[in-house]
Amino acid sequence: MKVRSIDIGKGVPKICAPIIEETQSDVLSMAEKIYKSSADIAEWRIDFYNGLNAVNNISGKNFVDIKLVDMDSFKETLKQLRTVLKDKPLLITFRTFTEGGSKEISPDNYMELIENLASFGYADMADVEVYRLGKEEISAFISRLKKYVTVVGSYHDFSKTPDTSNMVERLLYMDSVGADIPKLAVMPNNKTDVMRLMEASAEAVDKLEGKPVITMSMARLGVISRIAAESTGSAVSFGCIGKPSAPGQIEVEVLKNIIEQIRGI
């Protein structure tokens, strides 16, 4: 999967580093660090951005109301991110509260927000949580997004690791609804969970005939899945610069060094 100058799924697994800062200046500062680092891809976690702080508090959760979002501000930030990152691909992600993010949003607002941001033309990839909608609706949404960006279909379980067959089925489902790259992240409760995630990743890649996927087992227990991504068919491993966006992320330069050492064996 070619995204700018990066060939995702070919050669060494690519490293993606998140931007979880709240202000425009801090977002751009982190982007500069990512550009200068060994990371191949930058992910802007827009659920952390203070441009979404105009929310309604419902049942203890911060719900984003799309009508209160300043799209011009987002467009300007995306434009500046594109300038700072130069040719490094930019992935935009609104991770919902349900799947480990900092805010919640209705399905309709979620689609409108992501589609608007993708249409500005500065991002290269967009994350889509494929289980937020029914199959027909999510397929139509992904189809619209693919006019602008490469789509990463995703599912995150921060409480457990599902059955191996369930994880394989989820990755295949993401492909069936049109995602360019399926992504699965799960929480292990024991060492066997980590091995099962790695097994599911390899099985899904075989069934998808080599199509790139992104998989990881989170937290300290799951670190091996991040550094052994190539062995299980995962095309991207998420690292961090400073504060991680998910448990178990390794510093980008450390992750890069470990992956290169493993490849050299």
Protein backbone atom coordinates (compact mmCIF):
# COMPACT_ATOMS: atom_id res chain seq x y z
CA MET A 1 0.00 0.00 0.00
CA LYS A 2 1.82 3.09 -1.26
CA VAL A 3 1.26 6.23 0.83
CA ARG A 4 3.42 9.10 -0.35
CA SER A 5 6.95 7.68 -0.37
CA ILE A 6 6.14 4.91 2.12
CA ASP A 7 5.36 1.37 0.98
CA ILE A 8 3.24 -0.05 3.81
CA GLY A 9 3.38 -3.83 3.85
CA LYS A 10 6.66 -4.08 1.98
CA GLY A 11 10.02 -4.54 3.68
CA VAL A 12 10.60 -3.50 7.28
CA PRO A 13 7.50 -2.62 9.33
CA LYS A 14 6.89 1.11 9.33
CA ILE A 15 6.86 3.07 12.60
CA CYS A 16 3.99 5.42 13.40
CA ALA A 17 4.28 8.04 16.15
CA PRO A 18 1.23 9.75 17.67
CA ILE A 19 0.59 13.44 18.28
CA ILE A 20 -1.58 13.75 21.39
CA GLU A 21 -0.93 17.38 22.27
CA GLU A 22 -3.85 19.71 22.98
CA THR A 23 -2.86 23.06 21.43
CA GLN A 24 -1.91 23.97 17.88
CA SER A 25 1.58 25.09 18.87
CA ASP A 26 2.24 21.87 20.79
CA VAL A 27 0.81 19.77 17.95
CA LEU A 28 3.17 21.41 15.47
CA SER A 29 6.12 21.12 17.87
CA MET A 30 5.56 17.37 18.20
CA ALA A 31 5.17 17.07 14.43
CA GLU A 32 8.59 18.67 14.06
CA LYS A 33 10.06 16.09 16.44
CA ILE A 34 8.42 13.28 14.50
CA TYR A 35 9.72 14.66 11.21
CA LYS A 36 13.28 14.67 12.59
CA SER A 37 12.90 11.19 14.11
CA SER A 38 13.09 7.71 12.60
CA ALA A 39 9.28 7.48 12.55
CA ASP A 40 7.84 6.84 9.09
CA ILE A 41 4.28 8.07 9.79
CA ALA A 42 2.73 10.68 12.08
CA GLU A 43 -0.71 10.10 13.61
CA TRP A 44 -2.66 13.15 14.76
CA ARG A 45 -5.01 12.04 17.54
CA ILE A 46 -7.58 14.75 17.11
CA ASP A 47 -9.66 13.56 20.08
CA PHE A 48 -7.00 15.20 22.30
CA TYR A 49 -7.06 18.53 20.43
CA ASN A 50 -8.55 21.50 22.28
CA GLY A 51 -10.37 22.49 19.10
CA LEU A 52 -12.87 19.85 20.22
CA ASN A 53 -13.32 21.19 23.74
CA ALA A 54 -16.74 22.65 22.87
CA VAL A 55 -18.67 19.61 24.10
CA ASN A 56 -21.80 18.60 25.93
CA ASN A 57 -21.29 16.63 29.12
CA ILE A 58 -23.57 13.59 28.89
CA SER A 59 -23.50 10.78 31.47
CA GLY A 60 -20.02 11.78 32.60
CA LYS A 61 -18.55 11.63 29.08
CA ASN A 62 -17.41 14.52 26.92
CA PHE A 63 -19.44 14.32 23.73
CA VAL A 64 -18.30 16.32 20.71
CA ASP A 65 -20.98 18.36 18.94
CA ILE A 66 -19.90 18.87 15.33
CA LYS A 67 -21.90 22.11 15.10
CA LEU A 68 -19.57 23.64 17.72
CA VAL A 69 -16.32 22.62 16.00
CA ASP A 70 -14.30 25.34 14.26
CA MET A 71 -13.43 23.60 10.98
CA ASP A 72 -11.39 26.55 9.76
CA SER A 73 -9.05 26.11 12.73
CA PHE A 74 -8.71 22.41 11.98
CA LYS A 75 -8.00 23.13 8.33
CA GLU A 76 -5.26 25.60 9.23
CA THR A 77 -3.66 23.16 11.68
CA LEU A 78 -3.74 20.38 9.09
CA LYS A 79 -2.20 22.70 6.52
CA GLN A 80 0.64 23.57 8.89
CA LEU A 81 1.12 19.92 9.83
CA ARG A 82 1.52 19.10 6.15
CA THR A 83 4.22 21.78 5.86
CA VAL A 84 6.10 20.57 8.94
CA LEU A 85 5.94 16.87 8.05
CA LYS A 86 6.93 17.48 4.42
CA ASP A 87 6.74 14.06 2.72
CA LYS A 88 6.04 11.98 5.83
CA PRO A 89 2.50 10.54 5.70
CA LEU A 90 -0.09 11.91 8.11
CA LEU A 91 -2.78 9.68 9.64
CA ILE A 92 -5.78 11.41 11.26
CA THR A 93 -7.61 9.61 14.07
CA PHE A 94 -10.53 10.40 16.32
CA ARG A 95 -10.33 7.59 18.84
CA THR A 96 -13.66 7.36 20.62
CA PHE A 97 -14.01 6.95 24.37
CA THR A 98 -15.44 3.47 23.85
CA GLU A 99 -12.26 2.34 22.09
CA GLY A 100 -9.76 4.05 24.37
CA GLY A 101 -9.94 7.69 23.26
CA SER A 102 -10.39 10.87 25.28
CA LYS A 103 -13.84 11.91 24.00
CA GLU A 104 -17.07 10.43 22.67
CA ILE A 105 -19.06 11.41 19.59
CA SER A 106 -22.26 10.30 17.89
CA PRO A 107 -21.91 8.15 14.73
CA ASP A 108 -23.29 10.94 12.50
CA ASN A 109 -20.97 13.57 13.97
CA TYR A 110 -18.07 11.12 13.74
CA MET A 111 -18.59 10.58 10.01
CA GLU A 112 -19.05 14.28 9.30
CA LEU A 113 -15.92 15.25 11.23
CA ILE A 114 -13.63 12.66 9.63
CA GLU A 115 -14.98 13.26 6.12
CA ASN A 116 -14.55 17.02 6.44
CA LEU A 117 -10.97 16.69 7.67
CA ALA A 118 -10.07 14.18 4.95
CA SER A 119 -11.54 16.38 2.23
CA PHE A 120 -9.18 19.27 3.04
CA GLY A 121 -6.44 17.36 1.22
CA TYR A 122 -3.65 17.59 3.82
CA ALA A 123 -3.97 14.16 5.45
CA ASP A 124 -2.90 10.97 3.71
CA MET A 125 -4.71 8.38 5.85
CA ALA A 126 -7.76 8.27 8.10
CA ASP A 127 -8.63 5.82 10.86
CA VAL A 128 -12.20 4.50 10.86
CA GLU A 129 -13.67 2.53 13.74
CA VAL A 130 -15.58 0.01 11.66
CA TYR A 131 -17.98 -1.18 14.36
CA ARG A 132 -19.54 2.24 14.99
CA LEU A 133 -22.07 1.63 12.20
CA GLY A 134 -23.78 -1.22 10.38
CA LYS A 135 -22.02 -2.90 7.49
CA GLU A 136 -23.79 -1.07 4.67
CA GLU A 137 -23.38 2.35 6.28
CA ILE A 138 -19.72 1.88 7.20
CA SER A 139 -18.97 0.53 3.72
CA ALA A 140 -20.54 3.61 2.13
CA PHE A 141 -18.65 5.90 4.51
CA ILE A 142 -15.31 4.23 3.75
CA SER A 143 -16.04 4.42 0.03
CA ARG A 144 -16.54 8.19 0.32
CA LEU A 145 -13.37 8.62 2.36
CA LYS A 146 -11.27 6.70 -0.15
CA LYS A 147 -11.72 9.56 -2.61
CA TYR A 148 -9.40 11.56 -0.34
CA VAL A 149 -7.31 9.22 1.83
CA THR A 150 -6.09 5.70 2.48
CA VAL A 151 -8.44 4.17 5.06
CA VAL A 152 -7.24 2.28 8.12
CA GLY A 153 -10.17 0.26 9.45
CA SER A 154 -9.79 -0.33 13.17
CA TYR A 155 -11.05 -2.08 16.28
CA HIS A 156 -9.63 -1.67 19.80
CA ASP A 157 -10.43 -3.73 22.89
CA PHE A 158 -8.87 -2.23 26.03
CA SER A 159 -10.25 -4.89 28.38
CA LYS A 160 -9.39 -8.25 26.85
CA THR A 161 -8.09 -10.32 23.95
CA PRO A 162 -10.98 -11.96 22.04
CA ASP A 163 -10.87 -15.54 20.79
CA THR A 164 -8.31 -16.11 18.05
CA SER A 165 -11.01 -16.87 15.46
CA ASN A 166 -12.88 -13.71 16.46
CA MET A 167 -9.78 -11.58 15.90
CA VAL A 168 -9.20 -13.11 12.47
CA GLU A 169 -12.86 -12.54 11.59
CA ARG A 170 -12.63 -8.89 12.62
CA LEU A 171 -9.60 -8.26 10.41
CA LEU A 172 -11.33 -9.96 7.48
CA TYR A 173 -14.50 -7.94 8.16
CA MET A 174 -12.53 -4.70 7.94
CA ASP A 175 -11.31 -5.78 4.54
CA SER A 176 -14.84 -6.71 3.46
CA VAL A 177 -16.17 -3.22 4.23
CA GLY A 178 -13.46 -1.64 2.09
CA ALA A 179 -10.68 -0.68 4.51
CA ASP A 180 -7.31 -0.44 2.79
CA ILE A 181 -5.48 -1.55 5.94
CA PRO A 182 -7.22 -3.45 8.76
CA LYS A 183 -6.00 -2.63 12.30
CA LEU A 184 -6.61 -4.55 15.52
CA ALA A 185 -5.35 -3.67 19.01
CA VAL A 186 -6.24 -5.77 22.06
CA MET A 187 -5.39 -5.96 25.74
CA PRO A 188 -3.70 -9.14 27.01
CA ASN A 189 -4.47 -10.58 30.42
CA ASN A 190 -1.76 -13.25 30.20
CA LYS A 191 1.11 -14.38 27.98
CA THR A 192 -1.13 -16.73 26.02
CA ASP A 193 -3.27 -13.78 24.94
CA VAL A 194 -0.21 -12.16 23.37
CA MET A 195 0.65 -15.32 21.43
CA ARG A 196 -2.93 -15.63 20.21
CA LEU A 197 -2.93 -12.07 18.87
CA MET A 198 0.27 -12.79 16.98
CA GLU A 199 -1.21 -16.04 15.63
CA ALA A 200 -4.39 -14.24 14.52
CA SER A 201 -2.31 -11.60 12.75
CA ALA A 202 -0.34 -14.17 10.77
CA GLU A 203 -3.49 -16.13 9.89
CA ALA A 204 -5.33 -13.02 8.68
CA VAL A 205 -2.40 -11.98 6.48
CA ASP A 206 -2.42 -15.43 4.88
CA LYS A 207 -6.17 -15.24 4.25
CA LEU A 208 -5.87 -11.72 2.85
CA GLU A 209 -3.11 -12.96 0.54
CA GLY A 210 -0.49 -10.57 1.82
CA LYS A 211 -2.63 -7.44 2.17
CA PRO A 212 -1.11 -5.28 4.92
CA VAL A 213 -2.64 -5.35 8.38
CA ILE A 214 -1.72 -3.61 11.63
CA THR A 215 -1.97 -5.60 14.84
CA MET A 216 -0.73 -5.24 18.38
CA SER A 217 -1.12 -6.62 21.86
CA MET A 218 -1.02 -3.70 24.28
CA ALA A 219 0.63 -2.95 27.64
CA ARG A 220 3.91 -4.37 28.94
CA LEU A 221 2.83 -7.96 28.31
CA GLY A 222 2.24 -7.22 24.63
CA VAL A 223 5.48 -5.38 23.84
CA ILE A 224 6.86 -8.42 21.97
CA SER A 225 4.06 -8.04 19.38
CA ARG A 226 5.32 -4.53 18.58
CA ILE A 227 8.95 -5.49 18.05
CA ALA A 228 8.16 -8.75 16.23
CA ALA A 229 5.62 -7.16 13.88
CA GLU A 230 7.35 -8.38 10.73
CA SER A 231 7.23 -11.99 11.92
CA THR A 232 3.45 -11.84 12.38
CA GLY A 233 2.69 -9.83 9.25
CA SER A 234 1.90 -6.53 10.95
CA ALA A 235 2.95 -3.76 8.56
CA VAL A 236 3.10 -0.91 11.10
CA SER A 237 4.28 -0.69 14.69
CA PHE A 238 3.31 2.25 16.88
CA GLY A 239 6.04 3.95 18.89
CA CYS A 240 6.09 7.24 20.76
CA ILE A 241 8.15 10.33 21.42
CA GLY A 242 7.54 11.15 25.07
CA LYS A 243 4.04 10.37 26.31
CA PRO A 244 2.44 7.30 24.63
CA SER A 245 -1.08 7.30 23.21
CA ALA A 246 -1.66 3.67 24.22
CA PRO A 247 -0.15 1.35 26.84
CA GLY A 248 2.98 -0.53 25.74
CA GLN A 249 4.30 1.91 23.14
CA ILE A 250 8.11 2.09 22.96
CA GLU A 251 10.15 5.20 22.21
CA VAL A 252 10.52 5.52 18.43
CA GLU A 253 14.32 5.37 18.28
CA VAL A 254 14.45 2.37 20.62
CA LEU A 255 11.78 0.58 18.59
CA LYS A 256 13.58 1.35 15.32
CA ASN A 257 16.86 0.03 16.69
CA ILE A 258 15.32 -3.22 17.98
CA ILE A 259 13.48 -3.88 14.69
CA GLU A 260 16.66 -3.30 12.69
CA GLN A 261 18.68 -5.57 14.97
CA ILE A 262 16.10 -8.34 14.62
CA ARG A 263 16.16 -7.97 10.83
CA GLY A 264 19.95 -8.27 10.87
CA ILE A 265 20.00 -11.64 12.61
